[in-house]
Protein backbone atom coordinates (compact mmCIF):
# COMPACT_ATOMS: atom_id res chain seq x y z
CA MET A 1 -0.33 -10.70 -8.12
CA ARG A 2 2.34 -11.54 -5.15
CA ALA A 3 4.98 -10.26 -7.31
CA ALA A 4 3.13 -6.92 -7.67
CA LEU A 5 2.90 -6.46 -4.15
CA ALA A 6 6.48 -7.41 -3.73
CA ALA A 7 7.53 -4.49 -6.06
CA CYS A 8 5.26 -2.15 -4.16
CA VAL A 9 6.80 -3.27 -0.92
CA ALA A 10 10.42 -2.57 -2.31
CA LEU A 11 8.87 0.57 -3.55
CA ALA A 12 7.55 1.54 -0.13
CA LEU A 13 11.00 1.06 1.31
CA ALA A 14 12.59 3.00 -1.33
CA LEU A 15 9.78 5.84 -1.02
CA VAL A 16 10.39 5.85 3.16
CA GLY A 17 14.15 5.99 2.56
CA CYS A 18 13.63 8.83 0.14
CA ALA A 19 10.49 10.46 0.31
CA GLY A 20 11.83 13.92 0.71
CA ALA A 21 13.52 13.34 -2.70
CA ALA A 22 10.72 11.74 -4.82
CA SER A 23 11.74 13.40 -7.79
CA ASP A 24 13.85 11.61 -10.91
CA GLY A 25 15.84 13.67 -12.99
CA ASN A 26 15.83 13.25 -16.74
CA ALA A 27 18.16 14.38 -19.76
CA SER A 28 15.86 17.36 -20.53
CA GLY A 29 16.13 18.61 -17.06
CA THR A 30 12.79 18.29 -16.00
CA SER A 31 12.11 16.12 -13.12
CA ALA A 32 8.91 13.09 -12.94
CA GLN A 33 7.25 13.20 -9.61
CA THR A 34 5.87 10.28 -7.85
CA THR A 35 2.43 10.10 -6.69
CA GLY A 36 2.48 7.40 -4.06
CA LEU A 37 1.08 6.11 -0.63
CA VAL A 38 2.78 4.28 1.96
CA ILE A 39 1.03 2.64 4.55
CA GLU A 40 2.12 0.99 7.70
CA LEU A 41 0.07 -1.90 8.58
CA HIS A 42 -0.78 -2.81 12.22
CA PHE A 43 -2.29 -6.27 12.70
CA ASP A 44 -1.87 -9.61 15.29
CA HIS A 45 0.51 -11.57 13.24
CA ASN A 46 -0.71 -14.90 15.35
CA ASN A 47 -1.76 -17.51 12.80
CA VAL A 48 -1.78 -15.05 9.63
CA HIS A 49 -0.61 -17.00 6.70
CA GLU A 50 -0.86 -14.05 4.34
CA VAL A 51 -2.45 -10.43 3.78
CA ALA A 52 -4.60 -9.52 1.12
CA LEU A 53 -4.73 -5.56 -0.11
CA SER A 54 -7.01 -4.01 -2.49
CA GLY A 55 -8.90 -0.35 -3.06
CA ALA A 56 -10.07 2.11 -5.21
CA THR A 57 -9.51 5.93 -6.18
CA TYR A 58 -12.57 7.93 -5.80
CA ALA A 59 -11.47 10.50 -8.69
CA THR A 60 -11.00 8.02 -11.09
CA SER A 61 -12.56 5.21 -9.88
CA ARG A 62 -9.51 3.00 -10.42
CA LYS A 63 -9.48 -0.20 -8.60
CA PHE A 64 -6.57 -1.94 -7.45
CA GLY A 65 -5.73 -5.13 -6.05
CA PRO A 66 -6.16 -7.76 -4.54
CA TYR A 67 -2.27 -8.08 -3.85
CA VAL A 68 -1.48 -11.06 -1.59
CA VAL A 69 1.94 -11.25 0.49
CA ASP A 70 3.03 -13.93 2.69
CA GLU A 71 2.87 -12.94 6.33
CA ASP A 72 6.49 -14.03 6.50
CA SER A 73 7.42 -11.04 3.87
CA LEU A 74 5.77 -8.48 6.31
CA PRO A 75 7.63 -8.16 9.48
CA HIS A 76 5.75 -6.68 12.32
CA ASP A 77 3.95 -2.92 11.74
CA SER A 78 5.56 -3.50 8.13
CA THR A 79 5.04 -0.96 5.52
CA VAL A 80 3.46 -1.45 1.89
CA GLY A 81 3.32 1.28 -0.91
CA PHE A 82 1.11 2.13 -3.76
CA VAL A 83 2.09 4.10 -6.71
CA PHE A 84 -0.55 6.19 -8.61
CA ASP A 85 -1.07 8.24 -11.59
CA ALA A 86 -0.96 12.15 -10.92
CA GLY A 87 -4.51 11.85 -12.11
CA ASP A 88 -5.75 9.74 -9.18
CA ALA A 89 -5.01 12.56 -6.92
CA GLY A 90 -7.87 13.03 -4.39
CA THR A 91 -9.00 10.43 -1.92
CA ALA A 92 -8.37 6.31 -2.34
CA MET A 93 -9.62 3.70 0.06
CA VAL A 94 -7.58 0.71 0.96
CA CYS A 95 -8.76 -2.24 2.40
CA GLY A 96 -6.73 -5.34 3.98
CA GLU A 97 -7.62 -8.95 5.14
CA ALA A 98 -5.36 -11.02 7.23
CA HIS A 99 -5.82 -14.99 6.52
CA ASP A 100 -5.03 -18.08 7.84
CA SER A 101 -3.73 -21.15 6.28
CA SER A 102 -7.15 -22.45 5.11
CA GLY A 103 -8.00 -18.67 3.70
CA LYS A 104 -10.46 -17.69 6.66
CA VAL A 105 -10.46 -14.28 7.40
CA LEU A 106 -8.76 -13.27 10.81
CA ALA A 107 -8.57 -9.60 10.76
CA SER A 108 -9.67 -6.81 8.49
CA GLY A 109 -9.76 -3.34 7.69
CA CYS A 110 -10.49 -0.21 5.30
CA ASP A 111 -9.61 3.27 5.64
CA THR A 112 -9.47 6.23 3.25
CA PHE A 113 -6.15 8.11 2.46
CA ASP A 114 -5.08 11.55 0.71
CA VAL A 115 -3.63 10.88 -2.62
CA VAL A 116 -1.57 14.03 -3.80
CA ALA A 117 -0.37 14.62 -7.11
CA ASP A 118 3.27 14.45 -7.60
CA ASP A 119 3.70 13.71 -3.59
CA VAL A 120 4.17 10.68 -1.52
CA GLN A 121 1.63 10.48 1.56
CA HIS A 122 2.16 8.26 4.57
CA GLY A 123 -0.74 6.54 6.66
CA SER A 124 -1.41 3.63 8.47
CA LEU A 125 -3.84 0.83 8.60
CA THR A 126 -5.29 -1.35 11.31
CA LEU A 127 -6.71 -4.79 10.74
CA TRP A 128 -9.15 -5.33 13.48
CA ASP A 129 -9.74 -9.03 14.77
CA SER A 130 -12.65 -10.71 13.16
CA ARG A 131 -12.45 -14.14 15.28
């Protein structure tokens, strides 16, 4: 699961760098568009060991996660990315939890985001202190 989130984080960085050109040309001259969501995470990194992210789409009831990533891999106000099928267009809920080294939840939060077919949307999610 960590590898999947690492891939999403790498994709998010790529999408942030080229969100205006999210098309991918192929030999037939048509282009495949990315349906995605890039979320900037905000949380107090103090004593956080890892962050877990999960969610679901409303249109297709597709669930994803939990994706767990070490806090060391998430610099302050870092971004994560999710890639969806165009059929998932509509709304998605994304939830996150920041855990300490024993697994205790230090902060959490959920929010809904627009998922637009063939487009990359951007948003932010704040994980509020649970202590």
